[in-house]
């Protein structure tokens, strides 16, 4: 029975990892397409600022989006893989005593 649970858990984690990879690829593709569109339309000559200012803004926006996508992918993977369910209760939890007694 434990082997079956282990196989199921392994399959669930594999599916979660595949879904997270797909999400990352789609998000990266949308980011690349939007960056190309912005560059093509504005040619880094918007807001009357110089090339380096506009490049820094574009890189900052792309970096911020990349961090957000990465964190969302990690959250999605963590939720789908079931690794959150394996965490033991801590004293900071309001229902620590109840959860601790259920584990024993």
PDB file of N, CA and C in Angstrom:
ATOM      1  N   UNK A   1       0.827  -1.196   0.000  1.00  0.00           N
ATOM      2  CA  UNK A   1       0.000   0.000   0.000  1.00  0.00           C
ATOM      3  C   UNK A   1       0.868   1.254   0.000  1.00  0.00           C
ATOM      4  N   UNK A   2       1.956   1.244   0.759  1.00  0.00           N
ATOM      5  CA  UNK A   2       2.817   2.417   0.810  1.00  0.00           C
ATOM      6  C   UNK A   2       3.474   2.678  -0.536  1.00  0.00           C
ATOM      7  N   UNK A   3       3.815   1.607  -1.277  1.00  0.00           N
ATOM      8  CA  UNK A   3       4.402   1.786  -2.594  1.00  0.00           C
ATOM      9  C   UNK A   3       3.413   2.463  -3.526  1.00  0.00           C
ATOM     10  N   UNK A   4       2.150   2.117  -3.405  1.00  0.00           N
ATOM     11  CA  UNK A   4       1.116   2.713  -4.240  1.00  0.00           C
ATOM     12  C   UNK A   4       0.973   4.203  -3.951  1.00  0.00           C
ATOM     13  N   UNK A   5       0.990   4.571  -2.696  1.00  0.00           N
ATOM     14  CA  UNK A   5       0.922   5.982  -2.315  1.00  0.00           C
ATOM     15  C   UNK A   5       2.148   6.716  -2.835  1.00  0.00           C
ATOM     16  N   UNK A   6       3.283   6.077  -2.731  1.00  0.00           N
ATOM     17  CA  UNK A   6       4.521   6.680  -3.213  1.00  0.00           C
ATOM     18  C   UNK A   6       4.469   6.902  -4.717  1.00  0.00           C
ATOM     19  N   UNK A   7       3.942   5.899  -5.462  1.00  0.00           N
ATOM     20  CA  UNK A   7       3.824   6.049  -6.909  1.00  0.00           C
ATOM     21  C   UNK A   7       2.849   7.163  -7.263  1.00  0.00           C
ATOM     22  N   UNK A   8       1.744   7.222  -6.555  1.00  0.00           N
ATOM     23  CA  UNK A   8       0.763   8.273  -6.791  1.00  0.00           C
ATOM     24  C   UNK A   8       1.361   9.633  -6.493  1.00  0.00           C
ATOM     25  N   UNK A   9       2.080   9.733  -5.396  1.00  0.00           N
ATOM     26  CA  UNK A   9       2.720  10.993  -5.031  1.00  0.00           C
ATOM     27  C   UNK A   9       3.751  11.385  -6.084  1.00  0.00           C
ATOM     28  N   UNK A  10       4.502  10.412  -6.552  1.00  0.00           N
ATOM     29  CA  UNK A  10       5.516  10.676  -7.573  1.00  0.00           C
ATOM     30  C   UNK A  10       4.858  11.139  -8.864  1.00  0.00           C
ATOM     31  N   UNK A  11       3.751  10.512  -9.248  1.00  0.00           N
ATOM     32  CA  UNK A  11       3.038  10.908 -10.459  1.00  0.00           C
ATOM     33  C   UNK A  11       2.451  12.303 -10.315  1.00  0.00           C
ATOM     34  N   UNK A  12       1.917  12.591  -9.134  1.00  0.00           N
ATOM     35  CA  UNK A  12       1.362  13.920  -8.886  1.00  0.00           C
ATOM     36  C   UNK A  12       2.441  14.976  -8.984  1.00  0.00           C
ATOM     37  N   UNK A  13       3.598  14.696  -8.404  1.00  0.00           N
ATOM     38  CA  UNK A  13       4.699  15.663  -8.477  1.00  0.00           C
ATOM     39  C   UNK A  13       5.189  15.833  -9.908  1.00  0.00           C
ATOM     40  N   UNK A  14       5.229  14.757 -10.670  1.00  0.00           N
ATOM     41  CA  UNK A  14       5.663  14.852 -12.066  1.00  0.00           C
ATOM     42  C   UNK A  14       4.681  15.686 -12.882  1.00  0.00           C
ATOM     43  N   UNK A  15       3.368  15.478 -12.647  1.00  0.00           N
ATOM     44  CA  UNK A  15       2.367  16.283 -13.350  1.00  0.00           C
ATOM     45  C   UNK A  15       2.468  17.749 -12.949  1.00  0.00           C
ATOM     46  N   UNK A  16       2.704  18.008 -11.669  1.00  0.00           N
ATOM     47  CA  UNK A  16       2.830  19.388 -11.200  1.00  0.00           C
ATOM     48  C   UNK A  16       4.057  20.052 -11.813  1.00  0.00           C
ATOM     49  N   UNK A  17       5.154  19.317 -11.901  1.00  0.00           N
ATOM     50  CA  UNK A  17       6.368  19.874 -12.499  1.00  0.00           C
ATOM     51  C   UNK A  17       6.152  20.174 -13.980  1.00  0.00           C
ATOM     52  N   UNK A  18       5.465  19.281 -14.686  1.00  0.00           N
ATOM     53  CA  UNK A  18       5.178  19.511 -16.108  1.00  0.00           C
ATOM     54  C   UNK A  18       4.273  20.723 -16.283  1.00  0.00           C
ATOM     55  N   UNK A  19       3.272  20.855 -15.430  1.00  0.00           N
ATOM     56  CA  UNK A  19       2.370  22.012 -15.518  1.00  0.00           C
ATOM     57  C   UNK A  19       3.111  23.304 -15.211  1.00  0.00           C
ATOM     58  N   UNK A  20       4.009  23.271 -14.243  1.00  0.00           N
ATOM     59  CA  UNK A  20       4.786  24.467 -13.911  1.00  0.00           C
ATOM     60  C   UNK A  20       5.711  24.843 -15.067  1.00  0.00           C
ATOM     61  N   UNK A  21       6.301  23.832 -15.727  1.00  0.00           N
ATOM     62  CA  UNK A  21       7.151  24.121 -16.888  1.00  0.00           C
ATOM     63  C   UNK A  21       6.336  24.732 -18.016  1.00  0.00           C
ATOM     64  N   UNK A  22       5.142  24.172 -18.281  1.00  0.00           N
ATOM     65  CA  UNK A  22       4.287  24.742 -19.319  1.00  0.00           C
ATOM     66  C   UNK A  22       3.919  26.182 -18.996  1.00  0.00           C
ATOM     67  N   UNK A  23       3.559  26.437 -17.734  1.00  0.00           N
ATOM     68  CA  UNK A  23       3.224  27.796 -17.318  1.00  0.00           C
ATOM     69  C   UNK A  23       4.410  28.731 -17.548  1.00  0.00           C
ATOM     70  N   UNK A  24       5.609  28.294 -17.188  1.00  0.00           N
ATOM     71  CA  UNK A  24       6.797  29.120 -17.368  1.00  0.00           C
ATOM     72  C   UNK A  24       7.084  29.400 -18.828  1.00  0.00           C
ATOM     73  N   UNK A  25       6.923  28.393 -19.681  1.00  0.00           N
ATOM     74  CA  UNK A  25       7.167  28.578 -21.113  1.00  0.00           C
ATOM     75  C   UNK A  25       6.152  29.546 -21.705  1.00  0.00           C
ATOM     76  N   UNK A  26       4.898  29.374 -21.357  1.00  0.00           N
ATOM     77  CA  UNK A  26       3.857  30.275 -21.875  1.00  0.00           C
ATOM     78  C   UNK A  26       4.095  31.701 -21.380  1.00  0.00           C
ATOM     79  N   UNK A  27       4.401  31.852 -20.108  1.00  0.00           N
ATOM     80  CA  UNK A  27       4.632  33.192 -19.551  1.00  0.00           C
ATOM     81  C   UNK A  27       5.861  33.838 -20.179  1.00  0.00           C
ATOM     82  N   UNK A  28       6.928  33.059 -20.354  1.00  0.00           N
ATOM     83  CA  UNK A  28       8.139  33.602 -20.980  1.00  0.00           C
ATOM     84  C   UNK A  28       7.859  33.994 -22.432  1.00  0.00           C
ATOM     85  N   UNK A  29       7.077  33.189 -23.118  1.00  0.00           N
ATOM     86  CA  UNK A  29       6.726  33.521 -24.496  1.00  0.00           C
ATOM     87  C   UNK A  29       5.909  34.798 -24.584  1.00  0.00           C
ATOM     88  N   UNK A  30       4.926  34.936 -23.697  1.00  0.00           N
ATOM     89  CA  UNK A  30       4.122  36.164 -23.681  1.00  0.00           C
ATOM     90  C   UNK A  30       4.972  37.384 -23.320  1.00  0.00           C
ATOM     91  N   UNK A  31       5.907  37.208 -22.404  1.00  0.00           N
ATOM     92  CA  UNK A  31       6.810  38.304 -22.039  1.00  0.00           C
ATOM     93  C   UNK A  31       7.668  38.698 -23.223  1.00  0.00           C
ATOM     94  N   UNK A  32       8.216  37.718 -23.933  1.00  0.00           N
ATOM     95  CA  UNK A  32       9.058  38.011 -25.095  1.00  0.00           C
ATOM     96  C   UNK A  32       8.255  38.707 -26.190  1.00  0.00           C
ATOM     97  N   UNK A  33       7.056  38.217 -26.445  1.00  0.00           N
ATOM     98  CA  UNK A  33       6.217  38.827 -27.480  1.00  0.00           C
ATOM     99  C   UNK A  33       5.865  40.260 -27.106  1.00  0.00           C
ATOM    100  N   UNK A  34       5.499  40.491 -25.852  1.00  0.00           N
ATOM    101  CA  UNK A  34       5.147  41.856 -25.441  1.00  0.00           C
ATOM    102  C   UNK A  34       6.357  42.780 -25.498  1.00  0.00           C
ATOM    103  N   UNK A  35       7.538  42.272 -25.152  1.00  0.00           N
ATOM    104  CA  UNK A  35       8.743  43.099 -25.236  1.00  0.00           C
ATOM    105  C   UNK A  35       9.053  43.451 -26.687  1.00  0.00           C
ATOM    106  N   UNK A  36       8.898  42.502 -27.577  1.00  0.00           N
ATOM    107  CA  UNK A  36       9.158  42.768 -29.005  1.00  0.00           C
ATOM    108  C   UNK A  36       8.169  43.792 -29.548  1.00  0.00           C
ATOM    109  N   UNK A  37       6.919  43.678 -29.158  1.00  0.00           N
ATOM    110  CA  UNK A  37       5.903  44.633 -29.607  1.00  0.00           C
ATOM    111  C   UNK A  37       6.218  46.028 -29.089  1.00  0.00           C
ATOM    112  N   UNK A  38       6.586  46.125 -27.822  1.00  0.00           N
ATOM    113  CA  UNK A  38       6.909  47.438 -27.249  1.00  0.00           C
ATOM    114  C   UNK A  38       8.104  48.055 -27.956  1.00  0.00           C
ATOM    115  N   UNK A  39       9.141  47.264 -28.179  1.00  0.00           N
ATOM    116  CA  UNK A  39      10.333  47.777 -28.860  1.00  0.00           C
ATOM    117  C   UNK A  39       9.995  48.184 -30.289  1.00  0.00           C
ATOM    118  N   UNK A  40       9.209  47.362 -30.975  1.00  0.00           N
ATOM    119  CA  UNK A  40       8.857  47.669 -32.357  1.00  0.00           C
ATOM    120  C   UNK A  40       8.019  48.938 -32.460  1.00  0.00           C
ATOM    121  N   UNK A  41       7.082  49.108 -31.553  1.00  0.00           N
ATOM    122  CA  UNK A  41       6.210  50.281 -31.618  1.00  0.00           C
ATOM    123  C   UNK A  41       6.898  51.556 -31.149  1.00  0.00           C
ATOM    124  N   UNK A  42       7.666  51.466 -30.110  1.00  0.00           N
ATOM    125  CA  UNK A  42       8.242  52.672 -29.518  1.00  0.00           C
ATOM    126  C   UNK A  42       9.677  52.914 -29.935  1.00  0.00           C
ATOM    127  N   UNK A  43      10.373  51.887 -30.345  1.00  0.00           N
ATOM    128  CA  UNK A  43      11.781  51.984 -30.721  1.00  0.00           C
ATOM    129  C   UNK A  43      12.604  52.702 -29.660  1.00  0.00           C
ATOM    130  N   UNK A  44      12.266  52.417 -28.417  1.00  0.00           N
ATOM    131  CA  UNK A  44      12.953  52.997 -27.258  1.00  0.00           C
ATOM    132  C   UNK A  44      12.993  54.518 -27.311  1.00  0.00           C
ATOM    133  N   UNK A  45      11.977  55.135 -27.872  1.00  0.00           N
ATOM    134  CA  UNK A  45      11.959  56.591 -27.943  1.00  0.00           C
ATOM    135  C   UNK A  45      10.666  57.139 -27.346  1.00  0.00           C
ATOM    136  N   UNK A  46      10.213  56.545 -26.231  1.00  0.00           N
ATOM    137  CA  UNK A  46       9.001  57.042 -25.598  1.00  0.00           C
ATOM    138  C   UNK A  46       9.366  57.823 -24.341  1.00  0.00           C
ATOM    139  N   UNK A  47       8.509  58.662 -23.907  1.00  0.00           N
ATOM    140  CA  UNK A  47       8.662  59.535 -22.738  1.00  0.00           C
ATOM    141  C   UNK A  47       9.790  60.544 -22.884  1.00  0.00           C
ATOM    142  N   UNK A  48      10.366  60.656 -24.038  1.00  0.00           N
ATOM    143  CA  UNK A  48      11.411  61.647 -24.269  1.00  0.00           C
ATOM    144  C   UNK A  48      12.702  61.378 -23.521  1.00  0.00           C
ATOM    145  N   UNK A  49      12.866  60.223 -22.946  1.00  0.00           N
ATOM    146  CA  UNK A  49      14.087  59.889 -22.221  1.00  0.00           C
ATOM    147  C   UNK A  49      15.101  59.285 -23.197  1.00  0.00           C
ATOM    148  N   UNK A  50      16.338  59.216 -22.749  1.00  0.00           N
ATOM    149  CA  UNK A  50      17.387  58.650 -23.573  1.00  0.00           C
ATOM    150  C   UNK A  50      17.291  57.134 -23.668  1.00  0.00           C
ATOM    151  N   UNK A  51      18.135  56.569 -24.518  1.00  0.00           N
ATOM    152  CA  UNK A  51      18.132  55.136 -24.765  1.00  0.00           C
ATOM    153  C   UNK A  51      18.391  54.348 -23.490  1.00  0.00           C
ATOM    154  N   UNK A  52      19.372  54.775 -22.685  1.00  0.00           N
ATOM    155  CA  UNK A  52      19.736  54.019 -21.490  1.00  0.00           C
ATOM    156  C   UNK A  52      18.634  54.037 -20.425  1.00  0.00           C
ATOM    157  N   UNK A  53      17.938  55.131 -20.305  1.00  0.00           N
ATOM    158  CA  UNK A  53      16.826  55.205 -19.354  1.00  0.00           C
ATOM    159  C   UNK A  53      15.711  54.255 -19.788  1.00  0.00           C
ATOM    160  N   UNK A  54      15.375  54.293 -21.054  1.00  0.00           N
ATOM    161  CA  UNK A  54      14.318  53.417 -21.559  1.00  0.00           C
ATOM    162  C   UNK A  54      14.727  51.952 -21.483  1.00  0.00           C
ATOM    163  N   UNK A  55      15.982  51.654 -21.766  1.00  0.00           N
ATOM    164  CA  UNK A  55      16.459  50.284 -21.655  1.00  0.00           C
ATOM    165  C   UNK A  55      16.391  49.802 -20.209  1.00  0.00           C
ATOM    166  N   UNK A  56      16.790  50.662 -19.275  1.00  0.00           N
ATOM    167  CA  UNK A  56      16.722  50.303 -17.856  1.00  0.00           C
ATOM    168  C   UNK A  56      15.269  50.063 -17.424  1.00  0.00           C
ATOM    169  N   UNK A  57      14.343  50.892 -17.899  1.00  0.00           N
ATOM    170  CA  UNK A  57      12.932  50.686 -17.564  1.00  0.00           C
ATOM    171  C   UNK A  57      12.414  49.367 -18.135  1.00  0.00           C
ATOM    172  N   UNK A  58      12.787  49.073 -19.378  1.00  0.00           N
ATOM    173  CA  UNK A  58      12.333  47.829 -20.005  1.00  0.00           C
ATOM    174  C   UNK A  58      12.909  46.618 -19.282  1.00  0.00           C
ATOM    175  N   UNK A  59      14.198  46.668 -18.945  1.00  0.00           N
ATOM    176  CA  UNK A  59      14.820  45.556 -18.224  1.00  0.00           C
ATOM    177  C   UNK A  59      14.233  45.409 -16.819  1.00  0.00           C
ATOM    178  N   UNK A  60      13.949  46.518 -16.168  1.00  0.00           N
ATOM    179  CA  UNK A  60      13.331  46.468 -14.847  1.00  0.00           C
ATOM    180  C   UNK A  60      11.940  45.866 -14.894  1.00  0.00           C
ATOM    181  N   UNK A  61      11.172  46.262 -15.892  1.00  0.00           N
ATOM    182  CA  UNK A  61       9.823  45.706 -16.041  1.00  0.00           C
ATOM    183  C   UNK A  61       9.899  44.211 -16.360  1.00  0.00           C
ATOM    184  N   UNK A  62      10.803  43.832 -17.249  1.00  0.00           N
ATOM    185  CA  UNK A  62      10.950  42.413 -17.606  1.00  0.00           C
ATOM    186  C   UNK A  62      11.410  41.602 -16.397  1.00  0.00           C
ATOM    187  N   UNK A  63      12.337  42.155 -15.617  1.00  0.00           N
ATOM    188  CA  UNK A  63      12.807  41.451 -14.413  1.00  0.00           C
ATOM    189  C   UNK A  63      11.711  41.293 -13.379  1.00  0.00           C
ATOM    190  N   UNK A  64      10.927  42.326 -13.198  1.00  0.00           N
ATOM    191  CA  UNK A  64       9.818  42.255 -12.247  1.00  0.00           C
ATOM    192  C   UNK A  64       8.788  41.213 -12.674  1.00  0.00           C
ATOM    193  N   UNK A  65       8.476  41.206 -13.951  1.00  0.00           N
ATOM    194  CA  UNK A  65       7.528  40.213 -14.462  1.00  0.00           C
ATOM    195  C   UNK A  65       8.100  38.811 -14.313  1.00  0.00           C
ATOM    196  N   UNK A  66       9.392  38.642 -14.601  1.00  0.00           N
ATOM    197  CA  UNK A  66      10.030  37.322 -14.492  1.00  0.00           C
ATOM    198  C   UNK A  66      10.003  36.819 -13.049  1.00  0.00           C
ATOM    199  N   UNK A  67      10.266  37.699 -12.093  1.00  0.00           N
ATOM    200  CA  UNK A  67      10.218  37.292 -10.684  1.00  0.00           C
ATOM    201  C   UNK A  67       8.791  36.903 -10.299  1.00  0.00           C
ATOM    202  N   UNK A  68       7.819  37.686 -10.727  1.00  0.00           N
ATOM    203  CA  UNK A  68       6.418  37.365 -10.434  1.00  0.00           C
ATOM    204  C   UNK A  68       5.999  36.038 -11.041  1.00  0.00           C
ATOM    205  N   UNK A  69       6.397  35.795 -12.284  1.00  0.00           N
ATOM    206  CA  UNK A  69       6.067  34.533 -12.946  1.00  0.00           C
ATOM    207  C   UNK A  69       6.748  33.378 -12.222  1.00  0.00           C
ATOM    208  N   UNK A  70       8.011  33.561 -11.852  1.00  0.00           N
ATOM    209  CA  UNK A  70       8.734  32.509 -11.139  1.00  0.00           C
ATOM    210  C   UNK A  70       8.100  32.174  -9.808  1.00  0.00           C
ATOM    211  N   UNK A  71       7.722  33.181  -9.051  1.00  0.00           N
ATOM    212  CA  UNK A  71       7.087  32.939  -7.759  1.00  0.00           C
ATOM    213  C   UNK A  71       5.722  32.278  -7.914  1.00  0.00           C
ATOM    214  N   UNK A  72       4.960  32.697  -8.919  1.00  0.00           N
ATOM    215  CA  UNK A  72       3.663  32.053  -9.156  1.00  0.00           C
ATOM    216  C   UNK A  72       3.844  30.603  -9.584  1.00  0.00           C
ATOM    217  N   UNK A  73       4.854  30.334 -10.404  1.00  0.00           N
ATOM    218  CA  UNK A  73       5.114  28.956 -10.823  1.00  0.00           C
ATOM    219  C   UNK A  73       5.503  28.096  -9.627  1.00  0.00           C
ATOM    220  N   UNK A  74       6.326  28.645  -8.726  1.00  0.00           N
ATOM    221  CA  UNK A  74       6.699  27.903  -7.526  1.00  0.00           C
ATOM    222  C   UNK A  74       5.494  27.646  -6.626  1.00  0.00           C
ATOM    223  N   UNK A  75       4.628  28.636  -6.495  1.00  0.00           N
ATOM    224  CA  UNK A  75       3.413  28.462  -5.700  1.00  0.00           C
ATOM    225  C   UNK A  75       2.520  27.392  -6.317  1.00  0.00           C
ATOM    226  N   UNK A  76       2.365  27.446  -7.627  1.00  0.00           N
ATOM    227  CA  UNK A  76       1.550  26.464  -8.339  1.00  0.00           C
ATOM    228  C   UNK A  76       2.132  25.068  -8.167  1.00  0.00           C
ATOM    229  N   UNK A  77       3.445  24.938  -8.342  1.00  0.00           N
ATOM    230  CA  UNK A  77       4.097  23.638  -8.192  1.00  0.00           C
ATOM    231  C   UNK A  77       3.957  23.119  -6.762  1.00  0.00           C
ATOM    232  N   UNK A  78       4.169  23.990  -5.784  1.00  0.00           N
ATOM    233  CA  UNK A  78       4.073  23.588  -4.385  1.00  0.00           C
ATOM    234  C   UNK A  78       2.663  23.121  -4.049  1.00  0.00           C
ATOM    235  N   UNK A  79       1.674  23.819  -4.565  1.00  0.00           N
ATOM    236  CA  UNK A  79       0.285  23.448  -4.292  1.00  0.00           C
ATOM    237  C   UNK A  79      -0.076  22.127  -4.947  1.00  0.00           C
ATOM    238  N   UNK A  80       0.340  21.935  -6.185  1.00  0.00           N
ATOM    239  CA  UNK A  80      -0.012  20.732  -6.927  1.00  0.00           C
ATOM    240  C   UNK A  80       0.766  19.499  -6.471  1.00  0.00           C
ATOM    241  N   UNK A  81       2.003  19.676  -6.012  1.00  0.00           N
ATOM    242  CA  UNK A  81       2.834  18.520  -5.667  1.00  0.00           C
ATOM    243  C   UNK A  81       2.462  17.919  -4.322  1.00  0.00           C
ATOM    244  N   UNK A  82       1.734  18.655  -3.498  1.00  0.00           N
ATOM    245  CA  UNK A  82       1.336  18.145  -2.192  1.00  0.00           C
ATOM    246  C   UNK A  82       2.404  18.316  -1.130  1.00  0.00           C
ATOM    247  N   UNK A  83       3.485  18.999  -1.456  1.00  0.00           N
ATOM    248  CA  UNK A  83       4.552  19.174  -0.475  1.00  0.00           C
ATOM    249  C   UNK A  83       4.118  20.061   0.691  1.00  0.00           C
ATOM    250  N   UNK A  84       3.100  20.886   0.488  1.00  0.00           N
ATOM    251  CA  UNK A  84       2.586  21.709   1.581  1.00  0.00           C
ATOM    252  C   UNK A  84       1.894  20.855   2.639  1.00  0.00           C
ATOM    253  N   UNK A  85       1.358  19.719   2.221  1.00  0.00           N
ATOM    254  CA  UNK A  85       0.648  18.843   3.149  1.00  0.00           C
ATOM    255  C   UNK A  85       1.586  18.113   4.095  1.00  0.00           C
ATOM    256  N   UNK A  86       2.861  18.039   3.748  1.00  0.00           N
ATOM    257  CA  UNK A  86       3.824  17.286   4.535  1.00  0.00           C
ATOM    258  C   UNK A  86       4.444  18.106   5.669  1.00  0.00           C
ATOM    259  N   UNK A  87       4.114  19.374   5.757  1.00  0.00           N
ATOM    260  CA  UNK A  87       4.711  20.248   6.762  1.00  0.00           C
ATOM    261  C   UNK A  87       4.099  19.951   8.127  1.00  0.00           C
ATOM    262  N   UNK A  88       4.965  19.818   9.119  1.00  0.00           N
ATOM    263  CA  UNK A  88       4.511  19.558  10.489  1.00  0.00           C
ATOM    264  C   UNK A  88       4.044  20.863  11.135  1.00  0.00           C
ATOM    265  N   UNK A  89       3.103  20.785  12.065  1.00  0.00           N
ATOM    266  CA  UNK A  89       2.628  22.005  12.728  1.00  0.00           C
ATOM    267  C   UNK A  89       3.727  22.611  13.619  1.00  0.00           C
ATOM    268  N   UNK A  90       3.677  23.918  13.767  1.00  0.00           N
ATOM    269  CA  UNK A  90       4.623  24.615  14.654  1.00  0.00           C
ATOM    270  C   UNK A  90       3.858  25.303  15.761  1.00  0.00           C
ATOM    271  N   UNK A  91       4.561  25.760  16.751  1.00  0.00           N
ATOM    272  CA  UNK A  91       3.916  26.436  17.881  1.00  0.00           C
ATOM    273  C   UNK A  91       3.255  27.747  17.471  1.00  0.00           C
ATOM    274  N   UNK A  92       3.642  28.303  16.339  1.00  0.00           N
ATOM    275  CA  UNK A  92       3.040  29.552  15.870  1.00  0.00           C
ATOM    276  C   UNK A  92       1.627  29.330  15.333  1.00  0.00           C
ATOM    277  N   UNK A  93       1.295  28.087  14.990  1.00  0.00           N
ATOM    278  CA  UNK A  93      -0.045  27.782  14.502  1.00  0.00           C
ATOM    279  C   UNK A  93      -1.060  27.926  15.634  1.00  0.00           C
ATOM    280  N   UNK A  94      -2.210  28.565  15.353  1.00  0.00           N
ATOM    281  CA  UNK A  94      -3.218  28.724  16.405  1.00  0.00           C
ATOM    282  C   UNK A  94      -3.785  27.393  16.897  1.00  0.00           C
ATOM    283  N   UNK A  95      -3.839  26.401  16.018  1.00  0.00           N
ATOM    284  CA  UNK A  95      -4.384  25.109  16.419  1.00  0.00           C
ATOM    285  C   UNK A  95      -3.267  24.065  16.574  1.00  0.00           C
ATOM    286  N   UNK A  96      -2.143  24.491  17.116  1.00  0.00           N
ATOM    287  CA  UNK A  96      -0.974  23.622  17.261  1.00  0.00           C
ATOM    288  C   UNK A  96      -1.287  22.383  18.093  1.00  0.00           C
ATOM    289  N   UNK A  97      -1.929  22.561  19.231  1.00  0.00           N
ATOM    290  CA  UNK A  97      -2.194  21.427  20.119  1.00  0.00           C
ATOM    291  C   UNK A  97      -3.102  20.390  19.460  1.00  0.00           C
ATOM    292  N   UNK A  98      -4.129  20.863  18.743  1.00  0.00           N
ATOM    293  CA  UNK A  98      -5.042  19.933  18.074  1.00  0.00           C
ATOM    294  C   UNK A  98      -4.339  19.169  16.964  1.00  0.00           C
ATOM    295  N   UNK A  99      -3.570  19.857  16.153  1.00  0.00           N
ATOM    296  CA  UNK A  99      -2.895  19.205  15.037  1.00  0.00           C
ATOM    297  C   UNK A  99      -1.802  18.271  15.531  1.00  0.00           C
ATOM    298  N   UNK A 100      -1.143  18.651  16.605  1.00  0.00           N
ATOM    299  CA  UNK A 100      -0.081  17.812  17.170  1.00  0.00           C
ATOM    300  C   UNK A 100      -0.665  16.512  17.706  1.00  0.00           C
ATOM    301  N   UNK A 101      -1.824  16.598  18.352  1.00  0.00           N
ATOM    302  CA  UNK A 101      -2.448  15.380  18.901  1.00  0.00           C
ATOM    303  C   UNK A 101      -2.956  14.477  17.781  1.00  0.00           C
ATOM    304  N   UNK A 102      -3.343  15.042  16.634  1.00  0.00           N
ATOM    305  CA  UNK A 102      -3.792  14.233  15.505  1.00  0.00           C
ATOM    306  C   UNK A 102      -2.639  13.480  14.877  1.00  0.00           C
ATOM    307  N   UNK A 103      -1.427  14.039  14.908  1.00  0.00           N
ATOM    308  CA  UNK A 103      -0.265  13.388  14.315  1.00  0.00           C
ATOM    309  C   UNK A 103       0.209  12.217  15.153  1.00  0.00           C
ATOM    310  N   UNK A 104       0.065  12.306  16.450  1.00  0.00           N
ATOM    311  CA  UNK A 104       0.568  11.249  17.351  1.00  0.00           C
ATOM    312  C   UNK A 104      -0.278  10.041  17.362  1.00  0.00           C
TER     313      UNK A 104
END
